Amino acid sequence: MAVVIKSIRTWKDDFWDHVDQSTAIWDACWEWKGERDKDGYGVFNRGGKHLRANIVGYQIQNGVIPKGYVVMHQCDNPPCVKGTHLGLGTNAENLADMAEKGRARGGRRTKDGQEPKNRRENRDVS
């Protein structure tokens, strides 16, 4: 009698199913193929939560995001989830980077100029 071994899929397998890694260019972006939000960022659904794909991608490839830090795109391409294109910085550094590169635009902010708490905090996906 033959033994059938079933493959066990994880949430990380589901994540990678939505990433286009087909390019032969070594430093090209890995773009999110799934759902995107109004700003072009990938949306990964896990356990009923809608998570930004770039944040999940960073954590899978680079590890935990320390408190007080946000994930920043070094490639300035919102759907990119490639770990080498994502780095960490404070919210102030991210806003300064956006302004320096001409990507800043009016968005929802609190009275002190910060993003609303639910948008600026990164969630641990492990």
PDB file of N, CA and C in Angstrom:
ATOM      1  N   MET A   1       0.834  -1.168   0.000  1.00  0.00           N
ATOM      2  CA  MET A   1       0.000   0.000   0.000  1.00  0.00           C
ATOM      3  C   MET A   1       0.890   1.247   0.000  1.00  0.00           C
ATOM      4  N   ALA A   2       0.577   2.152  -0.898  1.00  0.00           N
ATOM      5  CA  ALA A   2       1.359   3.390  -1.014  1.00  0.00           C
ATOM      6  C   ALA A   2       0.936   4.394   0.050  1.00  0.00           C
ATOM      7  N   VAL A   3       1.897   5.106   0.566  1.00  0.00           N
ATOM      8  CA  VAL A   3       1.623   6.140   1.553  1.00  0.00           C
ATOM      9  C   VAL A   3       1.542   7.477   0.829  1.00  0.00           C
ATOM     10  N   VAL A   4       0.459   8.187   1.061  1.00  0.00           N
ATOM     11  CA  VAL A   4       0.275   9.496   0.441  1.00  0.00           C
ATOM     12  C   VAL A   4       0.615  10.564   1.481  1.00  0.00           C
ATOM     13  N   ILE A   5       1.545  11.411   1.120  1.00  0.00           N
ATOM     14  CA  ILE A   5       1.935  12.494   2.013  1.00  0.00           C
ATOM     15  C   ILE A   5       1.300  13.779   1.498  1.00  0.00           C
ATOM     16  N   LYS A   6       0.482  14.375   2.352  1.00  0.00           N
ATOM     17  CA  LYS A   6      -0.173  15.620   1.974  1.00  0.00           C
ATOM     18  C   LYS A   6       0.750  16.788   2.293  1.00  0.00           C
ATOM     19  N   SER A   7       0.743  17.732   1.401  1.00  0.00           N
ATOM     20  CA  SER A   7       1.509  18.949   1.628  1.00  0.00           C
ATOM     21  C   SER A   7       0.732  19.849   2.582  1.00  0.00           C
ATOM     22  N   ILE A   8       1.418  20.372   3.562  1.00  0.00           N
ATOM     23  CA  ILE A   8       0.778  21.277   4.509  1.00  0.00           C
ATOM     24  C   ILE A   8       1.138  22.702   4.115  1.00  0.00           C
ATOM     25  N   ARG A   9       0.107  23.469   3.778  1.00  0.00           N
ATOM     26  CA  ARG A   9       0.324  24.861   3.379  1.00  0.00           C
ATOM     27  C   ARG A   9       0.233  25.769   4.598  1.00  0.00           C
ATOM     28  N   THR A  10       1.069  26.773   4.597  1.00  0.00           N
ATOM     29  CA  THR A  10       1.048  27.739   5.682  1.00  0.00           C
ATOM     30  C   THR A  10       0.554  29.079   5.151  1.00  0.00           C
ATOM     31  N   TRP A  11       0.323  30.027   6.061  1.00  0.00           N
ATOM     32  CA  TRP A  11      -0.084  31.359   5.639  1.00  0.00           C
ATOM     33  C   TRP A  11       1.019  32.024   4.828  1.00  0.00           C
ATOM     34  N   LYS A  12       2.270  31.642   5.073  1.00  0.00           N
ATOM     35  CA  LYS A  12       3.369  32.200   4.293  1.00  0.00           C
ATOM     36  C   LYS A  12       3.308  31.713   2.848  1.00  0.00           C
ATOM     37  N   ASP A  13       2.888  30.452   2.644  1.00  0.00           N
ATOM     38  CA  ASP A  13       2.686  29.948   1.284  1.00  0.00           C
ATOM     39  C   ASP A  13       1.611  30.778   0.579  1.00  0.00           C
ATOM     40  N   ASP A  14       0.538  31.070   1.299  1.00  0.00           N
ATOM     41  CA  ASP A  14      -0.533  31.897   0.725  1.00  0.00           C
ATOM     42  C   ASP A  14       0.000  33.279   0.350  1.00  0.00           C
ATOM     43  N   PHE A  15       0.847  33.848   1.201  1.00  0.00           N
ATOM     44  CA  PHE A  15       1.441  35.151   0.907  1.00  0.00           C
ATOM     45  C   PHE A  15       2.238  35.083  -0.394  1.00  0.00           C
ATOM     46  N   TRP A  16       3.163  34.118  -0.490  1.00  0.00           N
ATOM     47  CA  TRP A  16       4.030  34.050  -1.663  1.00  0.00           C
ATOM     48  C   TRP A  16       3.277  33.735  -2.945  1.00  0.00           C
ATOM     49  N   ASP A  17       2.111  33.101  -2.844  1.00  0.00           N
ATOM     50  CA  ASP A  17       1.283  32.864  -4.031  1.00  0.00           C
ATOM     51  C   ASP A  17       0.838  34.165  -4.687  1.00  0.00           C
ATOM     52  N   HIS A  18       0.851  35.258  -3.938  1.00  0.00           N
ATOM     53  CA  HIS A  18       0.392  36.550  -4.443  1.00  0.00           C
ATOM     54  C   HIS A  18       1.543  37.485  -4.828  1.00  0.00           C
ATOM     55  N   VAL A  19       2.758  36.947  -4.923  1.00  0.00           N
ATOM     56  CA  VAL A  19       3.922  37.783  -5.227  1.00  0.00           C
ATOM     57  C   VAL A  19       4.515  37.376  -6.577  1.00  0.00           C
ATOM     58  N   ASP A  20       4.730  38.379  -7.429  1.00  0.00           N
ATOM     59  CA  ASP A  20       5.331  38.139  -8.741  1.00  0.00           C
ATOM     60  C   ASP A  20       6.849  38.249  -8.616  1.00  0.00           C
ATOM     61  N   GLN A  21       7.512  37.097  -8.658  1.00  0.00           N
ATOM     62  CA  GLN A  21       8.972  37.042  -8.587  1.00  0.00           C
ATOM     63  C   GLN A  21       9.554  36.587  -9.928  1.00  0.00           C
ATOM     64  N   SER A  22       8.796  36.765 -10.993  1.00  0.00           N
ATOM     65  CA  SER A  22       9.166  36.190 -12.288  1.00  0.00           C
ATOM     66  C   SER A  22      10.262  36.948 -13.028  1.00  0.00           C
ATOM     67  N   THR A  23      10.595  38.140 -12.624  1.00  0.00           N
ATOM     68  CA  THR A  23      11.582  38.926 -13.355  1.00  0.00           C
ATOM     69  C   THR A  23      12.980  38.326 -13.241  1.00  0.00           C
ATOM     70  N   ALA A  24      13.745  38.448 -14.300  1.00  0.00           N
ATOM     71  CA  ALA A  24      15.124  37.967 -14.311  1.00  0.00           C
ATOM     72  C   ALA A  24      16.099  39.066 -13.879  1.00  0.00           C
ATOM     73  N   ILE A  25      15.589  40.269 -13.702  1.00  0.00           N
ATOM     74  CA  ILE A  25      16.433  41.385 -13.281  1.00  0.00           C
ATOM     75  C   ILE A  25      16.649  41.263 -11.778  1.00  0.00           C
ATOM     76  N   TRP A  26      17.890  41.180 -11.344  1.00  0.00           N
ATOM     77  CA  TRP A  26      18.200  40.851  -9.950  1.00  0.00           C
ATOM     78  C   TRP A  26      17.665  41.859  -8.950  1.00  0.00           C
ATOM     79  N   ASP A  27      17.588  43.136  -9.295  1.00  0.00           N
ATOM     80  CA  ASP A  27      17.151  44.131  -8.323  1.00  0.00           C
ATOM     81  C   ASP A  27      15.735  44.647  -8.588  1.00  0.00           C
ATOM     82  N   ALA A  28      14.997  43.948  -9.425  1.00  0.00           N
ATOM     83  CA  ALA A  28      13.630  44.386  -9.740  1.00  0.00           C
ATOM     84  C   ALA A  28      12.695  44.166  -8.551  1.00  0.00           C
ATOM     85  N   CYS A  29      11.632  44.942  -8.516  1.00  0.00           N
ATOM     86  CA  CYS A  29      10.618  44.799  -7.471  1.00  0.00           C
ATOM     87  C   CYS A  29       9.898  43.460  -7.587  1.00  0.00           C
ATOM     88  N   TRP A  30       9.445  42.959  -6.440  1.00  0.00           N
ATOM     89  CA  TRP A  30       8.538  41.818  -6.396  1.00  0.00           C
ATOM     90  C   TRP A  30       7.178  42.407  -6.070  1.00  0.00           C
ATOM     91  N   GLU A  31       6.317  42.497  -7.077  1.00  0.00           N
ATOM     92  CA  GLU A  31       5.038  43.165  -6.881  1.00  0.00           C
ATOM     93  C   GLU A  31       3.949  42.227  -6.396  1.00  0.00           C
ATOM     94  N   TRP A  32       3.091  42.771  -5.560  1.00  0.00           N
ATOM     95  CA  TRP A  32       1.929  42.078  -5.016  1.00  0.00           C
ATOM     96  C   TRP A  32       0.894  41.935  -6.120  1.00  0.00           C
ATOM     97  N   LYS A  33       0.443  40.697  -6.367  1.00  0.00           N
ATOM     98  CA  LYS A  33      -0.537  40.416  -7.420  1.00  0.00           C
ATOM     99  C   LYS A  33      -1.968  40.384  -6.906  1.00  0.00           C
ATOM    100  N   GLY A  34      -2.142  40.384  -5.598  1.00  0.00           N
ATOM    101  CA  GLY A  34      -3.478  40.285  -5.017  1.00  0.00           C
ATOM    102  C   GLY A  34      -4.147  41.644  -4.870  1.00  0.00           C
ATOM    103  N   GLU A  35      -5.077  41.697  -3.948  1.00  0.00           N
ATOM    104  CA  GLU A  35      -5.846  42.916  -3.680  1.00  0.00           C
ATOM    105  C   GLU A  35      -4.916  44.069  -3.304  1.00  0.00           C
ATOM    106  N   ARG A  36      -5.309  45.272  -3.731  1.00  0.00           N
ATOM    107  CA  ARG A  36      -4.557  46.487  -3.371  1.00  0.00           C
ATOM    108  C   ARG A  36      -5.509  47.519  -2.794  1.00  0.00           C
ATOM    109  N   ASP A  37      -4.970  48.359  -1.928  1.00  0.00           N
ATOM    110  CA  ASP A  37      -5.797  49.419  -1.364  1.00  0.00           C
ATOM    111  C   ASP A  37      -5.797  50.633  -2.295  1.00  0.00           C
ATOM    112  N   LYS A  38      -6.485  51.698  -1.880  1.00  0.00           N
ATOM    113  CA  LYS A  38      -6.643  52.872  -2.739  1.00  0.00           C
ATOM    114  C   LYS A  38      -5.313  53.561  -3.049  1.00  0.00           C
ATOM    115  N   ASP A  39      -4.292  53.316  -2.234  1.00  0.00           N
ATOM    116  CA  ASP A  39      -2.978  53.921  -2.453  1.00  0.00           C
ATOM    117  C   ASP A  39      -2.028  53.010  -3.224  1.00  0.00           C
ATOM    118  N   GLY A  40      -2.490  51.826  -3.620  1.00  0.00           N
ATOM    119  CA  GLY A  40      -1.677  50.905  -4.408  1.00  0.00           C
ATOM    120  C   GLY A  40      -0.895  49.883  -3.597  1.00  0.00           C
ATOM    121  N   TYR A  41      -1.024  49.928  -2.266  1.00  0.00           N
ATOM    122  CA  TYR A  41      -0.330  48.949  -1.420  1.00  0.00           C
ATOM    123  C   TYR A  41      -1.080  47.619  -1.446  1.00  0.00           C
ATOM    124  N   GLY A  42      -0.322  46.533  -1.432  1.00  0.00           N
ATOM    125  CA  GLY A  42      -0.942  45.222  -1.389  1.00  0.00           C
ATOM    126  C   GLY A  42      -1.665  44.997  -0.069  1.00  0.00           C
ATOM    127  N   VAL A  43      -2.746  44.230  -0.140  1.00  0.00           N
ATOM    128  CA  VAL A  43      -3.519  43.874   1.051  1.00  0.00           C
ATOM    129  C   VAL A  43      -3.513  42.354   1.179  1.00  0.00           C
ATOM    130  N   PHE A  44      -2.997  41.866   2.303  1.00  0.00           N
ATOM    131  CA  PHE A  44      -2.945  40.430   2.584  1.00  0.00           C
ATOM    132  C   PHE A  44      -3.948  40.132   3.682  1.00  0.00           C
ATOM    133  N   ASN A  45      -4.842  39.204   3.417  1.00  0.00           N
ATOM    134  CA  ASN A  45      -5.867  38.839   4.384  1.00  0.00           C
ATOM    135  C   ASN A  45      -5.424  37.607   5.156  1.00  0.00           C
ATOM    136  N   ARG A  46      -5.323  37.767   6.476  1.00  0.00           N
ATOM    137  CA  ARG A  46      -4.898  36.660   7.338  1.00  0.00           C
ATOM    138  C   ARG A  46      -5.731  36.661   8.599  1.00  0.00           C
ATOM    139  N   GLY A  47      -6.433  35.573   8.828  1.00  0.00           N
ATOM    140  CA  GLY A  47      -7.232  35.444  10.041  1.00  0.00           C
ATOM    141  C   GLY A  47      -8.290  36.525  10.176  1.00  0.00           C
ATOM    142  N   GLY A  48      -8.860  36.935   9.062  1.00  0.00           N
ATOM    143  CA  GLY A  48      -9.896  37.958   9.086  1.00  0.00           C
ATOM    144  C   GLY A  48      -9.359  39.375   9.183  1.00  0.00           C
ATOM    145  N   LYS A  49      -8.033  39.538   9.191  1.00  0.00           N
ATOM    146  CA  LYS A  49      -7.426  40.865   9.261  1.00  0.00           C
ATOM    147  C   LYS A  49      -6.877  41.248   7.894  1.00  0.00           C
ATOM    148  N   HIS A  50      -7.014  42.501   7.544  1.00  0.00           N
ATOM    149  CA  HIS A  50      -6.456  43.035   6.305  1.00  0.00           C
ATOM    150  C   HIS A  50      -5.137  43.715   6.658  1.00  0.00           C
ATOM    151  N   LEU A  51      -4.046  43.126   6.217  1.00  0.00           N
ATOM    152  CA  LEU A  51      -2.712  43.616   6.548  1.00  0.00           C
ATOM    153  C   LEU A  51      -2.027  44.136   5.295  1.00  0.00           C
ATOM    154  N   ARG A  52      -1.210  45.160   5.449  1.00  0.00           N
ATOM    155  CA  ARG A  52      -0.443  45.663   4.316  1.00  0.00           C
ATOM    156  C   ARG A  52       0.604  44.623   3.933  1.00  0.00           C
ATOM    157  N   ALA A  53       0.605  44.247   2.649  1.00  0.00           N
ATOM    158  CA  ALA A  53       1.502  43.191   2.173  1.00  0.00           C
ATOM    159  C   ALA A  53       2.975  43.559   2.340  1.00  0.00           C
ATOM    160  N   ASN A  54       3.322  44.843   2.208  1.00  0.00           N
ATOM    161  CA  ASN A  54       4.725  45.213   2.370  1.00  0.00           C
ATOM    162  C   ASN A  54       5.199  45.009   3.810  1.00  0.00           C
ATOM    163  N   ILE A  55       4.302  45.208   4.769  1.00  0.00           N
ATOM    164  CA  ILE A  55       4.661  44.993   6.179  1.00  0.00           C
ATOM    165  C   ILE A  55       4.835  43.500   6.455  1.00  0.00           C
ATOM    166  N   VAL A  56       3.910  42.696   5.943  1.00  0.00           N
ATOM    167  CA  VAL A  56       4.015  41.242   6.106  1.00  0.00           C
ATOM    168  C   VAL A  56       5.288  40.739   5.418  1.00  0.00           C
ATOM    169  N   GLY A  57       5.533  41.216   4.196  1.00  0.00           N
ATOM    170  CA  GLY A  57       6.736  40.820   3.462  1.00  0.00           C
ATOM    171  C   GLY A  57       8.008  41.181   4.204  1.00  0.00           C
ATOM    172  N   TYR A  58       8.030  42.371   4.796  1.00  0.00           N
ATOM    173  CA  TYR A  58       9.204  42.767   5.569  1.00  0.00           C
ATOM    174  C   TYR A  58       9.424  41.791   6.722  1.00  0.00           C
ATOM    175  N   GLN A  59       8.375  41.484   7.455  1.00  0.00           N
ATOM    176  CA  GLN A  59       8.511  40.613   8.620  1.00  0.00           C
ATOM    177  C   GLN A  59       8.909  39.202   8.237  1.00  0.00           C
ATOM    178  N   ILE A  60       8.388  38.681   7.147  1.00  0.00           N
ATOM    179  CA  ILE A  60       8.771  37.343   6.702  1.00  0.00           C
ATOM    180  C   ILE A  60      10.259  37.303   6.346  1.00  0.00           C
ATOM    181  N   GLN A  61      10.726  38.328   5.645  1.00  0.00           N
ATOM    182  CA  GLN A  61      12.090  38.311   5.113  1.00  0.00           C
ATOM    183  C   GLN A  61      13.143  38.911   6.044  1.00  0.00           C
ATOM    184  N   ASN A  62      12.733  39.864   6.893  1.00  0.00           N
ATOM    185  CA  ASN A  62      13.718  40.593   7.692  1.00  0.00           C
ATOM    186  C   ASN A  62      13.514  40.504   9.196  1.00  0.00           C
ATOM    187  N   GLY A  63      12.352  40.079   9.632  1.00  0.00           N
ATOM    188  CA  GLY A  63      12.131  39.930  11.065  1.00  0.00           C
ATOM    189  C   GLY A  63      11.170  40.957  11.653  1.00  0.00           C
ATOM    190  N   VAL A  64      11.187  41.011  12.960  1.00  0.00           N
ATOM    191  CA  VAL A  64      10.264  41.838  13.734  1.00  0.00           C
ATOM    192  C   VAL A  64      10.534  43.327  13.496  1.00  0.00           C
ATOM    193  N   ILE A  65       9.464  44.094  13.502  1.00  0.00           N
ATOM    194  CA  ILE A  65       9.565  45.547  13.385  1.00  0.00           C
ATOM    195  C   ILE A  65       9.537  46.114  14.801  1.00  0.00           C
ATOM    196  N   PRO A  66      10.619  46.779  15.217  1.00  0.00           N
ATOM    197  CA  PRO A  66      10.642  47.330  16.572  1.00  0.00           C
ATOM    198  C   PRO A  66       9.568  48.405  16.765  1.00  0.00           C
ATOM    199  N   LYS A  67       9.091  48.513  17.991  1.00  0.00           N
ATOM    200  CA  LYS A  67       8.087  49.520  18.317  1.00  0.00           C
ATOM    201  C   LYS A  67       8.630  50.909  17.968  1.00  0.00           C
ATOM    202  N   GLY A  68       7.779  51.717  17.365  1.00  0.00           N
ATOM    203  CA  GLY A  68       8.170  53.070  16.992  1.00  0.00           C
ATOM    204  C   GLY A  68       8.724  53.187  15.585  1.00  0.00           C
ATOM    205  N   TYR A  69       8.807  52.074  14.866  1.00  0.00           N
ATOM    206  CA  TYR A  69       9.321  52.083  13.499  1.00  0.00           C
ATOM    207  C   TYR A  69       8.234  51.679  12.509  1.00  0.00           C
ATOM    208  N   VAL A  70       8.384  52.143  11.291  1.00  0.00           N
ATOM    209  CA  VAL A  70       7.478  51.797  10.199  1.00  0.00           C
ATOM    210  C   VAL A  70       8.310  51.231   9.054  1.00  0.00           C
ATOM    211  N   VAL A  71       7.644  50.502   8.154  1.00  0.00           N
ATOM    212  CA  VAL A  71       8.311  49.962   6.975  1.00  0.00           C
ATOM    213  C   VAL A  71       8.293  51.026   5.884  1.00  0.00           C
ATOM    214  N   MET A  72       9.457  51.282   5.312  1.00  0.00           N
ATOM    215  CA  MET A  72       9.600  52.277   4.251  1.00  0.00           C
ATOM    216  C   MET A  72      10.043  51.594   2.962  1.00  0.00           C
ATOM    217  N   HIS A  73       9.464  52.022   1.835  1.00  0.00           N
ATOM    218  CA  HIS A  73       9.882  51.520   0.529  1.00  0.00           C
ATOM    219  C   HIS A  73      11.103  52.303   0.056  1.00  0.00           C
ATOM    220  N   GLN A  74      12.204  51.625  -0.167  1.00  0.00           N
ATOM    221  CA  GLN A  74      13.372  52.282  -0.743  1.00  0.00           C
ATOM    222  C   GLN A  74      13.207  52.429  -2.248  1.00  0.00           C
ATOM    223  N   CYS A  75      12.339  51.605  -2.838  1.00  0.00           N
ATOM    224  CA  CYS A  75      12.088  51.637  -4.282  1.00  0.00           C
ATOM    225  C   CYS A  75      10.928  52.573  -4.643  1.00  0.00           C
ATOM    226  N   ASP A  76      10.210  53.074  -3.645  1.00  0.00           N
ATOM    227  CA  ASP A  76       9.070  53.974  -3.863  1.00  0.00           C
ATOM    228  C   ASP A  76       7.979  53.350  -4.728  1.00  0.00           C
ATOM    229  N   ASN A  77       7.811  52.040  -4.608  1.00  0.00           N
ATOM    230  CA  ASN A  77       6.811  51.311  -5.387  1.00  0.00           C
ATOM    231  C   ASN A  77       5.852  50.622  -4.405  1.00  0.00           C
ATOM    232  N   PRO A  78       4.677  51.200  -4.137  1.00  0.00           N
ATOM    233  CA  PRO A  78       3.779  50.672  -3.100  1.00  0.00           C
ATOM    234  C   PRO A  78       3.478  49.168  -3.157  1.00  0.00           C
ATOM    235  N   PRO A  79       3.299  48.551  -4.344  1.00  0.00           N
ATOM    236  CA  PRO A  79       3.001  47.111  -4.324  1.00  0.00           C
ATOM    237  C   PRO A  79       4.221  46.207  -4.121  1.00  0.00           C
ATOM    238  N   CYS A  80       5.418  46.773  -4.022  1.00  0.00           N
ATOM    239  CA  CYS A  80       6.629  45.960  -3.865  1.00  0.00           C
ATOM    240  C   CYS A  80       6.701  45.365  -2.459  1.00  0.00           C
ATOM    241  N   VAL A  81       7.042  44.068  -2.392  1.00  0.00           N
ATOM    242  CA  VAL A  81       7.189  43.361  -1.114  1.00  0.00           C
ATOM    243  C   VAL A  81       8.570  42.707  -0.978  1.00  0.00           C
ATOM    244  N   LYS A  82       9.506  43.097  -1.821  1.00  0.00           N
ATOM    245  CA  LYS A  82      10.843  42.506  -1.788  1.00  0.00           C
ATOM    246  C   LYS A  82      11.606  43.024  -0.570  1.00  0.00           C
ATOM    247  N   GLY A  83      12.111  42.110   0.238  1.00  0.00           N
ATOM    248  CA  GLY A  83      12.763  42.460   1.488  1.00  0.00           C
ATOM    249  C   GLY A  83      13.916  43.430   1.362  1.00  0.00           C
ATOM    250  N   THR A  84      14.695  43.331   0.283  1.00  0.00           N
ATOM    251  CA  THR A  84      15.824  44.243   0.111  1.00  0.00           C
ATOM    252  C   THR A  84      15.388  45.631  -0.333  1.00  0.00           C
ATOM    253  N   HIS A  85      14.126  45.795  -0.693  1.00  0.00           N
ATOM    254  CA  HIS A  85      13.591  47.101  -1.090  1.00  0.00           C
ATOM    255  C   HIS A  85      12.861  47.778   0.063  1.00  0.00           C
ATOM    256  N   LEU A  86      12.757  47.080   1.190  1.00  0.00           N
ATOM    257  CA  LEU A  86      12.023  47.599   2.340  1.00  0.00           C
ATOM    258  C   LEU A  86      12.978  47.832   3.499  1.00  0.00           C
ATOM    259  N   GLY A  87      12.818  48.953   4.152  1.00  0.00           N
ATOM    260  CA  GLY A  87      13.662  49.264   5.295  1.00  0.00           C
ATOM    261  C   GLY A  87      12.819  49.837   6.415  1.00  0.00           C
ATOM    262  N   LEU A  88      13.459  50.145   7.514  1.00  0.00           N
ATOM    263  CA  LEU A  88      12.758  50.692   8.667  1.00  0.00           C
ATOM    264  C   LEU A  88      13.146  52.143   8.889  1.00  0.00           C
ATOM    265  N   GLY A  89      12.212  52.884   9.445  1.00  0.00           N
ATOM    266  CA  GLY A  89      12.458  54.256   9.840  1.00  0.00           C
ATOM    267  C   GLY A  89      11.343  54.689  10.770  1.00  0.00           C
ATOM    268  N   THR A  90      11.510  55.842  11.357  1.00  0.00           N
ATOM    269  CA  THR A  90      10.435  56.381  12.188  1.00  0.00           C
ATOM    270  C   THR A  90       9.378  56.981  11.272  1.00  0.00           C
ATOM    271  N   ASN A  91       8.219  57.275  11.824  1.00  0.00           N
ATOM    272  CA  ASN A  91       7.179  57.903  11.028  1.00  0.00           C
ATOM    273  C   ASN A  91       7.670  59.252  10.495  1.00  0.00           C
ATOM    274  N   ALA A  92       8.400  59.995  11.324  1.00  0.00           N
ATOM    275  CA  ALA A  92       8.930  61.291  10.886  1.00  0.00           C
ATOM    276  C   ALA A  92       9.914  61.120   9.726  1.00  0.00           C
ATOM    277  N   GLU A  93      10.755  60.095   9.798  1.00  0.00           N
ATOM    278  CA  GLU A  93      11.696  59.836   8.697  1.00  0.00           C
ATOM    279  C   GLU A  93      10.954  59.453   7.424  1.00  0.00           C
ATOM    280  N   ASN A  94       9.903  58.674   7.555  1.00  0.00           N
ATOM    281  CA  ASN A  94       9.113  58.273   6.399  1.00  0.00           C
ATOM    282  C   ASN A  94       8.449  59.490   5.760  1.00  0.00           C
ATOM    283  N   LEU A  95       7.875  60.367   6.580  1.00  0.00           N
ATOM    284  CA  LEU A  95       7.234  61.577   6.054  1.00  0.00           C
ATOM    285  C   LEU A  95       8.258  62.491   5.381  1.00  0.00           C
ATOM    286  N   ALA A  96       9.444  62.629   5.980  1.00  0.00           N
ATOM    287  CA  ALA A  96      10.502  63.451   5.387  1.00  0.00           C
ATOM    288  C   ALA A  96      10.967  62.857   4.058  1.00  0.00           C
ATOM    289  N   ASP A  97      11.101  61.527   4.002  1.00  0.00           N
ATOM    290  CA  ASP A  97      11.492  60.841   2.775  1.00  0.00           C
ATOM    291  C   ASP A  97      10.457  61.080   1.678  1.00  0.00           C
ATOM    292  N   MET A  98       9.186  60.985   2.045  1.00  0.00           N
ATOM    293  CA  MET A  98       8.113  61.228   1.076  1.00  0.00           C
ATOM    294  C   MET A  98       8.178  62.660   0.547  1.00  0.00           C
ATOM    295  N   ALA A  99       8.370  63.617   1.434  1.00  0.00           N
ATOM    296  CA  ALA A  99       8.422  65.018   1.030  1.00  0.00           C
ATOM    297  C   ALA A  99       9.629  65.289   0.138  1.00  0.00           C
ATOM    298  N   GLU A 100      10.782  64.731   0.528  1.00  0.00           N
ATOM    299  CA  GLU A 100      12.014  64.921  -0.244  1.00  0.00           C
ATOM    300  C   GLU A 100      11.880  64.384  -1.660  1.00  0.00           C
ATOM    301  N   LYS A 101      11.154  63.290  -1.813  1.00  0.00           N
ATOM    302  CA  LYS A 101      10.995  62.653  -3.123  1.00  0.00           C
ATOM    303  C   LYS A 101       9.751  63.140  -3.857  1.00  0.00           C
ATOM    304  N   GLY A 102       9.049  64.107  -3.275  1.00  0.00           N
ATOM    305  CA  GLY A 102       7.877  64.673  -3.939  1.00  0.00           C
ATOM    306  C   GLY A 102       6.668  63.759  -3.943  1.00  0.00           C
ATOM    307  N   ARG A 103       6.607  62.831  -2.997  1.00  0.00           N
ATOM    308  CA  ARG A 103       5.480  61.897  -2.933  1.00  0.00           C
ATOM    309  C   ARG A 103       4.464  62.273  -1.869  1.00  0.00           C
ATOM    310  N   ALA A 104       4.762  63.296  -1.074  1.00  0.00           N
ATOM    311  CA  ALA A 104       3.837  63.680   0.001  1.00  0.00           C
ATOM    312  C   ALA A 104       2.581  64.284  -0.612  1.00  0.00           C
ATOM    313  N   ARG A 105       1.484  63.963  -0.009  1.00  0.00           N
ATOM    314  CA  ARG A 105       0.219  64.538  -0.446  1.00  0.00           C
ATOM    315  C   ARG A 105      -0.667  64.676   0.768  1.00  0.00           C
ATOM    316  N   GLY A 106      -1.672  65.475   0.665  1.00  0.00           N
ATOM    317  CA  GLY A 106      -2.577  65.662   1.793  1.00  0.00           C
ATOM    318  C   GLY A 106      -3.300  64.372   2.119  1.00  0.00           C
ATOM    319  N   GLY A 107      -3.249  63.986   3.338  1.00  0.00           N
ATOM    320  CA  GLY A 107      -3.939  62.789   3.783  1.00  0.00           C
ATOM    321  C   GLY A 107      -4.502  63.032   5.160  1.00  0.00           C
ATOM    322  N   ARG A 108      -5.198  62.060   5.678  1.00  0.00           N
ATOM    323  CA  ARG A 108      -5.754  62.218   7.026  1.00  0.00           C
ATOM    324  C   ARG A 108      -4.632  62.285   8.039  1.00  0.00           C
ATOM    325  N   ARG A 109      -4.676  63.287   8.882  1.00  0.00           N
ATOM    326  CA  ARG A 109      -3.691  63.461   9.938  1.00  0.00           C
ATOM    327  C   ARG A 109      -4.414  63.872  11.217  1.00  0.00           C
ATOM    328  N   THR A 110      -3.778  63.613  12.339  1.00  0.00           N
ATOM    329  CA  THR A 110      -4.330  64.074  13.608  1.00  0.00           C
ATOM    330  C   THR A 110      -3.915  65.524  13.804  1.00  0.00           C
ATOM    331  N   LYS A 111      -4.369  66.144  14.891  1.00  0.00           N
ATOM    332  CA  LYS A 111      -4.069  67.554  15.141  1.00  0.00           C
ATOM    333  C   LYS A 111      -2.579  67.837  15.228  1.00  0.00           C
ATOM    334  N   ASP A 112      -1.789  66.852  15.683  1.00  0.00           N
ATOM    335  CA  ASP A 112      -0.343  67.068  15.800  1.00  0.00           C
ATOM    336  C   ASP A 112       0.414  66.710  14.518  1.00  0.00           C
ATOM    337  N   GLY A 113      -0.313  66.467  13.423  1.00  0.00           N
ATOM    338  CA  GLY A 113       0.319  66.189  12.139  1.00  0.00           C
ATOM    339  C   GLY A 113       0.677  64.744  11.901  1.00  0.00           C
ATOM    340  N   GLN A 114       0.327  63.873  12.831  1.00  0.00           N
ATOM    341  CA  GLN A 114       0.655  62.454  12.703  1.00  0.00           C
ATOM    342  C   GLN A 114      -0.474  61.704  11.998  1.00  0.00           C
ATOM    343  N   GLU A 115      -0.126  60.536  11.457  1.00  0.00           N
ATOM    344  CA  GLU A 115      -1.144  59.655  10.919  1.00  0.00           C
ATOM    345  C   GLU A 115      -1.975  59.116  12.070  1.00  0.00           C
ATOM    346  N   PRO A 116      -3.245  58.785  11.836  1.00  0.00           N
ATOM    347  CA  PRO A 116      -4.034  58.154  12.900  1.00  0.00           C
ATOM    348  C   PRO A 116      -3.339  56.891  13.402  1.00  0.00           C
ATOM    349  N   LYS A 117      -3.474  56.619  14.699  1.00  0.00           N
ATOM    350  CA  LYS A 117      -2.763  55.509  15.334  1.00  0.00           C
ATOM    351  C   LYS A 117      -2.976  54.186  14.603  1.00  0.00           C
ATOM    352  N   ASN A 118      -4.188  53.889  14.166  1.00  0.00           N
ATOM    353  CA  ASN A 118      -4.454  52.600  13.526  1.00  0.00           C
ATOM    354  C   ASN A 118      -3.752  52.472  12.179  1.00  0.00           C
ATOM    355  N   ARG A 119      -3.303  53.572  11.572  1.00  0.00           N
ATOM    356  CA  ARG A 119      -2.601  53.496  10.308  1.00  0.00           C
ATOM    357  C   ARG A 119      -1.094  53.474  10.477  1.00  0.00           C
ATOM    358  N   ARG A 120      -0.577  54.057  11.562  1.00  0.00           N
ATOM    359  CA  ARG A 120       0.870  54.157  11.680  1.00  0.00           C
ATOM    360  C   ARG A 120       1.503  52.979  12.397  1.00  0.00           C
ATOM    361  N   GLU A 121       0.714  52.226  13.138  1.00  0.00           N
ATOM    362  CA  GLU A 121       1.282  51.085  13.855  1.00  0.00           C
ATOM    363  C   GLU A 121       1.384  49.880  12.928  1.00  0.00           C
ATOM    364  N   ASN A 122       2.481  49.197  13.007  1.00  0.00           N
ATOM    365  CA  ASN A 122       2.656  47.957  12.259  1.00  0.00           C
ATOM    366  C   ASN A 122       2.191  46.808  13.136  1.00  0.00           C
ATOM    367  N   ARG A 123       1.574  45.841  12.520  1.00  0.00           N
ATOM    368  CA  ARG A 123       1.101  44.685  13.277  1.00  0.00           C
ATOM    369  C   ARG A 123       2.095  43.547  13.144  1.00  0.00           C
ATOM    370  N   ASP A 124       2.301  42.838  14.223  1.00  0.00           N
ATOM    371  CA  ASP A 124       3.145  41.650  14.185  1.00  0.00           C
ATOM    372  C   ASP A 124       2.320  40.535  13.559  1.00  0.00           C
ATOM    373  N   VAL A 125       2.833  39.912  12.511  1.00  0.00           N
ATOM    374  CA  VAL A 125       2.067  38.888  11.810  1.00  0.00           C
ATOM    375  C   VAL A 125       2.545  37.473  12.101  1.00  0.00           C
ATOM    376  N   SER A 126       3.515  37.330  12.996  1.00  0.00           N
ATOM    377  CA  SER A 126       4.031  35.989  13.266  1.00  0.00           C
ATOM    378  C   SER A 126       3.106  35.188  14.128  1.00  0.00           C
TER     379      SER A 126
END
